[in-house]
């Protein structure tokens, strides 16, 4: 009933309603994330090799950016001969009297976006025993222009042709474009651009490349060797937008880190704040109640800890021992317990211990521990709680700051780790602002929620603030 009354009073203030609403939303996100993406799976995805995310575009913007810019930015186009469907033709013709088979694969797709794709990869899945398939690969544009990309012999049964960075393909594209202008070109567009441009001399010479929209084709002709030989192709034309949060330079979906960063931030901040405040409250009460040498030892220890530079000291410990996030939490708690809060709490206890009801408790024989925990602490708890709530974002930002410096847990996806990855990947000067703004916005939102709630509780326990 007491808790219900507090909640009811908190909700009478606009700042309280706003803080509680945001906090409930963050808690809901945390619970949903833990259920849908278990911790081990999240770590596996975030630490996973590139092959886990190979179908994701690299450094892709969030999909909702399309609606802000008004441009139809490209999304992934995936075509697989194993799945079939519209635009896929596969034919294998045995050559009479031999174990050789003629292969023809045609993959066509419509491209009506307003920008060039970011990358093009071809994935081969083949069956052969001795001789690998020999292939000729062609690219056909909507205006029927055909470009022979390269001759290719598979290296493995599961082979990948990274078309956009292949030097042989680059030479083929240069030769083709120079034949269009009947001369040499100073500026050769990247392969992902060259395969989608309108080929006219003016634009090629000026470097003002124009996108050609329409139906494109990838044609693969080849020979398969062996009775049971076979070949399937998976074409991925990578876009420039992906998901709700976009991707990083390792193709990882940033939504994993943004979602899992929520329960980690709340657990870290709340645990640090509650444990630190509770321990400081008890130590300060014991110090003020007993006085004498106990008070002197606690106060001198507190003053020493207040003098020590907290952040540099914490960074030094983290660098030497490479702490994971939960050991880091223990170190932060240990360094924060004997802080300035003990001084202010001690001042409150010195006043409360002189109240008549404390003297009455001593008179009827109540033990010191009973007086401390049942009579003094409950009396000074109301003004302490708002500070405890307001301290949560301090610890959330502290963890993020350490992660941004590269000193946090390298394996757990957190908001600070995302910002650190963005810094290392040069997100700001490359224009990948979403990479920094998304985790930063969540950090600010979390801080705002606890600050609003703490301010509301402060107004409740301190009537003088109600006029503000």
Foldseek 3Di string as FASTA:
>chain_A
DVVVVVLVLLVVDPLSVLLVVLVVVLVVLQVVLCVPQPQVNLLCQVPDALVVLVQFDALFAAPCVCVVVVFQFDAKDKDKQVVDDPQWDWDWADDPPAQKIKIKIKGKDFDDGQDFFDFKKKWKAKDDDPAFKWKWKWKADPVRDIFGQDIDTDPDNTDMDRSQPDVSSVVSLQVVLCVQQVHHEPDDDGPSQSSFFDRHNVCRNVVVTDGDGTMMMMMMIIMFGGNPIDMMMMMMRHIRHDHRQGAHRSSRDCVSLLSNQSVVLQCLLLVLLVLLLVLLLLQLLVLLVVPDPSVVVLLVVLVVLAPDPPLVVLLVVLVVPVDAAVVSSVVSSVSRNSYPVSVVSNVQSNVQCPDVVVVVCVVVPNDPVCCSPPPRCVVPVLQSVLVSLLRSLVSSVSLLVCLLVVRYHQRRRHLSVQNNSCVVVVCVVVVSVSSNVSSVVVSVSNNSSSNSNSLSSNCVVPVVSVVD
